[in-house]
C-alpha cells in the first residue's frame, strides 16, 4: 500500500499566511501540519512509500521539508507543474498524476495535506480492507448541520454503505462530513481516469469525485470518533493551534 498526500493547492482562503508558503507546511504548535499525518502513516507498517503531490510554486519548500524530515518512510515529492490558482490541475487530476507516476499496481491511501486527524488510521485501513474491492472514505460527525454546509455531506445506510452524498448542500440531510481520506483498492484505480472523462465535473474538488463514485459504485464510510480539522480557513487554523497548545 502507498500513501498519497494531496498538497498542490494554493490556500487562497488562508492568505496572507499561504501567499508564499504551502498550507500543509504551516506550523501548528511548532510542527508542520503535514507532520501530524506522517506520524499516523509511520504507524502503518505496510506503507511502502509516501508520495506528496505539490505545485511548482511550492515544490522547493516540500523538497527542503523532506530533506530535514526524520520520518522512517521513504518520501517522494511530485511537481504537478502548475504555478498559480489560475492554472492548477485540481485535486482529482493531481491524484491521478501521483498514481500514474507511482504505478497502478498497489492500493492507495489518499489524504488531504491540510487535514489534522487525531485518531489512528489502523482502524480505518482495517475496515477498508474488509470492504475490498470497494472504496472506503473517512467520515466524521461534526455535530451540526449548519456547519456541515461547508463540507461534503453523507448519509450512511446498512453495513456502512454510503447511500447519499452531497457536496456543500444548502440544507444538509445529516451532520456526517466526508474527510479528505480515502482508501482506493488497486482494482478501482481505473475509475479515476473514467471520472476525468466526465466533462461535467470540477476537477479541483475531490468531493465531486466521491459523489460521482457513489453513483457508479458501492462506497463505504468509516466513522471517526475523535478530533478532525480541515484547515481551510484562518479561524480553523488558529483554533487548532489553540487546542494543541492547551489554551482550550
Protein backbone atom coordinates (compact mmCIF):
# COMPACT_ATOMS: atom_id res chain seq x y z
CA UNK A 1 0.00 0.00 0.00
CA UNK A 2 1.19 3.50 -0.84
CA UNK A 3 0.13 6.77 0.75
CA UNK A 4 -0.61 9.76 -1.47
CA UNK A 5 -0.84 13.22 0.11
CA UNK A 6 -2.54 15.97 -1.89
CA UNK A 7 -0.64 19.23 -1.31
CA UNK A 8 -0.88 21.16 -4.58
CA UNK A 9 -3.46 23.74 -3.55
CA UNK A 10 -2.66 27.43 -3.14
CA UNK A 11 -4.56 28.03 0.09
CA UNK A 12 -6.09 31.32 -1.02
CA UNK A 13 -8.54 31.37 1.90
CA UNK A 14 -5.57 31.42 4.27
CA UNK A 15 -3.86 34.48 2.76
CA UNK A 16 -1.58 36.11 3.85
CA UNK A 17 -0.18 33.01 5.60
CA UNK A 18 -0.10 30.97 2.41
CA UNK A 19 0.61 33.58 -0.24
CA UNK A 20 4.23 32.46 -0.44
CA UNK A 21 4.14 29.32 1.68
CA UNK A 22 2.27 25.99 1.34
CA UNK A 23 -0.62 25.34 3.69
CA UNK A 24 0.45 21.78 4.69
CA UNK A 25 3.77 23.16 5.96
CA UNK A 26 2.20 25.83 8.19
CA UNK A 27 3.15 25.15 11.77
CA UNK A 28 0.61 24.03 14.33
CA UNK A 29 2.04 24.00 17.83
CA UNK A 30 5.56 24.33 16.34
CA UNK A 31 5.19 21.46 13.86
CA UNK A 32 4.11 21.47 10.19
CA UNK A 33 0.53 20.28 9.71
CA UNK A 34 1.71 17.52 7.37
CA UNK A 35 3.99 16.07 10.07
CA UNK A 36 0.98 15.02 12.11
CA UNK A 37 -0.21 12.98 9.11
CA UNK A 38 3.25 11.44 8.75
CA UNK A 39 3.06 10.36 12.40
CA UNK A 40 -0.06 8.35 11.57
CA UNK A 41 1.41 6.88 8.39
CA UNK A 42 4.60 5.82 10.13
CA UNK A 43 2.49 3.71 12.48
CA UNK A 44 1.18 1.70 9.50
CA UNK A 45 3.76 -0.99 8.90
CA UNK A 46 2.69 -1.87 5.37
CA UNK A 47 3.01 1.62 3.86
CA UNK A 48 5.82 1.16 1.33
CA UNK A 49 6.14 4.78 0.23
CA UNK A 50 4.67 8.22 0.87
CA UNK A 51 4.04 10.41 -2.18
CA UNK A 52 3.37 14.14 -1.88
CA UNK A 53 1.90 15.93 -4.91
CA UNK A 54 2.52 19.66 -4.89
CA UNK A 55 2.88 22.51 -7.41
CA UNK A 56 5.79 24.37 -9.00
CA UNK A 57 5.47 27.35 -6.66
CA UNK A 58 5.88 25.25 -3.51
CA UNK A 59 7.89 22.28 -4.81
CA UNK A 60 11.19 23.51 -3.33
CA UNK A 61 9.51 24.08 0.04
CA UNK A 62 8.49 20.42 0.16
CA UNK A 63 11.91 19.24 -1.04
CA UNK A 64 13.56 21.13 1.83
CA UNK A 65 10.99 19.72 4.24
CA UNK A 66 11.71 16.18 3.01
CA UNK A 67 15.48 16.67 3.40
CA UNK A 68 15.03 17.72 7.03
CA UNK A 69 12.47 15.02 7.75
CA UNK A 70 13.34 12.31 10.25
CA UNK A 71 10.44 10.04 9.28
CA UNK A 72 11.31 6.43 8.52
CA UNK A 73 9.13 6.04 5.44
CA UNK A 74 10.53 6.92 2.03
CA UNK A 75 9.01 10.19 0.77
CA UNK A 76 8.70 11.23 -2.88
CA UNK A 77 7.68 14.77 -3.88
CA UNK A 78 5.96 15.21 -7.26
CA UNK A 79 5.60 18.57 -9.02
CA UNK A 80 2.34 18.98 -10.96
CA UNK A 81 3.96 21.94 -12.81
CA UNK A 82 1.20 24.44 -12.07
CA UNK A 83 2.26 27.92 -10.94
CA UNK A 84 -0.87 29.68 -9.75
CA UNK A 85 -4.51 29.14 -8.79
CA UNK A 86 -5.41 30.00 -12.39
CA UNK A 87 -3.60 27.04 -13.93
CA UNK A 88 -3.80 24.46 -11.15
CA UNK A 89 -4.74 20.92 -12.15
CA UNK A 90 -7.20 20.31 -9.34
CA UNK A 91 -7.32 17.61 -6.68
CA UNK A 92 -8.67 14.83 -8.91
CA UNK A 93 -6.06 15.40 -11.62
CA UNK A 94 -3.30 15.65 -9.00
CA UNK A 95 -4.39 12.34 -7.51
CA UNK A 96 -4.31 10.74 -10.95
CA UNK A 97 -0.88 12.25 -11.64
CA UNK A 98 0.57 10.85 -8.43
CA UNK A 99 -0.82 7.37 -9.04
CA UNK A 100 0.23 7.41 -12.70
CA UNK A 101 3.84 8.22 -11.72
CA UNK A 102 3.89 5.66 -8.91
CA UNK A 103 2.07 2.91 -10.76
CA UNK A 104 -1.35 1.26 -10.71
CA UNK A 105 -0.09 -1.94 -9.10
CA UNK A 106 -0.92 -1.23 -5.46
CA UNK A 107 -3.67 0.01 -3.14
CA UNK A 108 -3.58 3.72 -2.24
CA UNK A 109 -4.37 5.60 0.92
CA UNK A 110 -5.10 9.19 -0.16
CA UNK A 111 -5.03 12.07 2.33
CA UNK A 112 -5.50 15.83 2.16
CA UNK A 113 -2.29 17.54 3.22
CA UNK A 114 -4.19 20.21 5.15
CA UNK A 115 -6.10 17.75 7.36
CA UNK A 116 -5.43 17.09 11.03
CA UNK A 117 -6.61 13.65 12.20
CA UNK A 118 -6.33 12.87 15.90
CA UNK A 119 -7.40 9.24 15.62
CA UNK A 120 -5.04 6.48 14.50
CA UNK A 121 -5.52 5.20 10.94
CA UNK A 122 -5.22 1.46 11.64
CA UNK A 123 -8.95 1.09 12.28
CA UNK A 124 -9.81 2.85 9.04
CA UNK A 125 -7.37 0.77 7.00
CA UNK A 126 -8.55 -2.49 8.57
CA UNK A 127 -12.19 -1.62 7.82
CA UNK A 128 -11.32 -0.60 4.24
CA UNK A 129 -9.54 -3.86 3.58
CA UNK A 130 -12.56 -5.81 4.75
CA UNK A 131 -14.64 -3.89 2.20
CA UNK A 132 -12.31 -4.55 -0.74
CA UNK A 133 -12.60 -4.32 -3.67
CA UNK A 134 -14.85 -1.38 -2.83
CA UNK A 135 -13.66 2.13 -1.96
CA UNK A 136 -13.82 3.47 1.60
CA UNK A 137 -13.79 7.09 2.76
CA UNK A 138 -13.30 8.63 6.19
CA UNK A 139 -16.34 10.30 7.75
CA UNK A 140 -16.80 12.30 10.94
CA UNK A 141 -19.91 13.61 12.71
CA UNK A 142 -19.27 17.33 13.19
CA UNK A 143 -22.43 17.65 15.27
CA UNK A 144 -24.03 20.50 13.34
CA UNK A 145 -25.99 20.51 10.10
CA UNK A 146 -25.28 24.24 9.80
CA UNK A 147 -21.53 23.64 9.85
CA UNK A 148 -21.97 20.65 7.54
CA UNK A 149 -22.89 23.06 4.74
CA UNK A 150 -19.16 23.69 4.27
CA UNK A 151 -18.33 20.03 3.59
CA UNK A 152 -19.31 17.02 1.57
CA UNK A 153 -22.23 15.51 3.50
CA UNK A 154 -23.02 11.80 3.55
CA UNK A 155 -25.77 9.51 4.73
CA UNK A 156 -24.70 6.00 5.70
CA UNK A 157 -27.00 3.02 5.42
CA UNK A 158 -26.71 -0.59 6.46
CA UNK A 159 -23.27 -2.16 6.56
CA UNK A 160 -21.78 1.36 6.43
CA UNK A 161 -22.51 1.82 2.73
CA UNK A 162 -22.89 5.45 1.66
CA UNK A 163 -26.37 5.89 0.26
CA UNK A 164 -26.25 9.64 -0.32
CA UNK A 165 -23.50 12.21 -0.90
CA UNK A 166 -23.91 15.96 -1.44
CA UNK A 167 -21.11 18.48 -1.80
CA UNK A 168 -21.69 21.59 0.37
CA UNK A 169 -25.50 21.37 0.34
CA UNK A 170 -27.59 24.36 1.43
CA UNK A 171 -29.79 22.05 3.53
CA UNK A 172 -27.68 19.11 4.72
CA UNK A 173 -29.56 15.89 5.45
CA UNK A 174 -27.05 14.87 8.13
CA UNK A 175 -24.06 16.19 10.06
CA UNK A 176 -21.72 13.47 8.76
CA UNK A 177 -18.89 15.19 6.88
CA UNK A 178 -16.65 13.43 4.39
CA UNK A 179 -12.99 13.80 5.34
CA UNK A 180 -10.24 14.07 2.75
CA UNK A 181 -9.23 10.49 3.50
CA UNK A 182 -9.77 7.69 1.00
CA UNK A 183 -8.76 4.07 0.51
CA UNK A 184 -8.62 3.09 -3.16
CA UNK A 185 -8.03 -0.63 -3.81
CA UNK A 186 -5.90 -1.36 -6.86
CA UNK A 187 -8.89 -2.85 -8.68
CA UNK A 188 -10.71 0.51 -8.62
CA UNK A 189 -7.89 2.87 -9.65
CA UNK A 190 -9.06 2.82 -13.27
CA UNK A 191 -12.17 4.70 -12.15
CA UNK A 192 -10.12 7.87 -11.64
CA UNK A 193 -9.44 8.17 -15.35
CA UNK A 194 -13.05 7.32 -16.15
CA UNK A 195 -14.13 10.13 -13.84
CA UNK A 196 -11.80 12.60 -15.55
CA UNK A 197 -13.55 11.88 -18.86
CA UNK A 198 -16.75 13.30 -17.36
CA UNK A 199 -16.67 16.93 -18.54
CA UNK A 200 -19.37 17.92 -16.06
CA UNK A 201 -17.10 17.53 -13.01
CA UNK A 202 -14.98 20.12 -11.25
CA UNK A 203 -11.51 18.56 -11.06
CA UNK A 204 -10.47 20.87 -8.23
CA UNK A 205 -12.96 19.28 -5.89
CA UNK A 206 -12.26 15.72 -4.87
CA UNK A 207 -15.72 15.68 -3.30
CA UNK A 208 -17.08 15.76 -6.84
CA UNK A 209 -15.20 12.54 -7.49
CA UNK A 210 -16.65 10.88 -4.40
CA UNK A 211 -20.13 11.98 -5.43
CA UNK A 212 -19.54 10.53 -8.88
CA UNK A 213 -18.26 7.28 -7.38
CA UNK A 214 -21.31 6.82 -5.15
CA UNK A 215 -23.46 6.95 -8.28
CA UNK A 216 -21.29 4.39 -10.10
CA UNK A 217 -20.12 2.04 -7.34
CA UNK A 218 -20.70 0.92 -3.77
CA UNK A 219 -18.65 3.22 -1.49
CA UNK A 220 -18.32 2.68 2.25
CA UNK A 221 -17.79 5.11 5.10
CA UNK A 222 -15.70 4.60 8.23
CA UNK A 223 -16.82 6.91 11.05
CA UNK A 224 -14.03 8.54 13.05
CA UNK A 225 -14.82 9.38 16.66
CA UNK A 226 -12.04 11.79 17.60
CA UNK A 227 -10.99 15.29 16.57
CA UNK A 228 -10.61 16.21 12.91
CA UNK A 229 -9.78 19.56 11.32
CA UNK A 230 -9.84 20.63 7.68
CA UNK A 231 -7.53 23.65 7.83
CA UNK A 232 -9.24 25.66 5.14
CA UNK A 233 -9.69 29.00 6.88
CA UNK A 234 -7.71 31.24 9.21
CA UNK A 235 -10.21 30.64 12.01
CA UNK A 236 -9.80 26.84 11.87
CA UNK A 237 -6.02 27.15 11.66
CA UNK A 238 -5.95 29.38 14.74
CA UNK A 239 -8.44 27.20 16.61
CA UNK A 240 -6.36 24.05 16.08
CA UNK A 241 -3.26 25.92 17.22
CA UNK A 242 -5.03 26.95 20.41
CA UNK A 243 -6.26 23.42 21.10
CA UNK A 244 -2.88 21.79 20.61
CA UNK A 245 -1.19 24.45 22.72
CA UNK A 246 -3.64 23.66 25.51
CA UNK A 247 -5.42 27.01 25.52
CA UNK A 248 -8.84 25.41 25.10
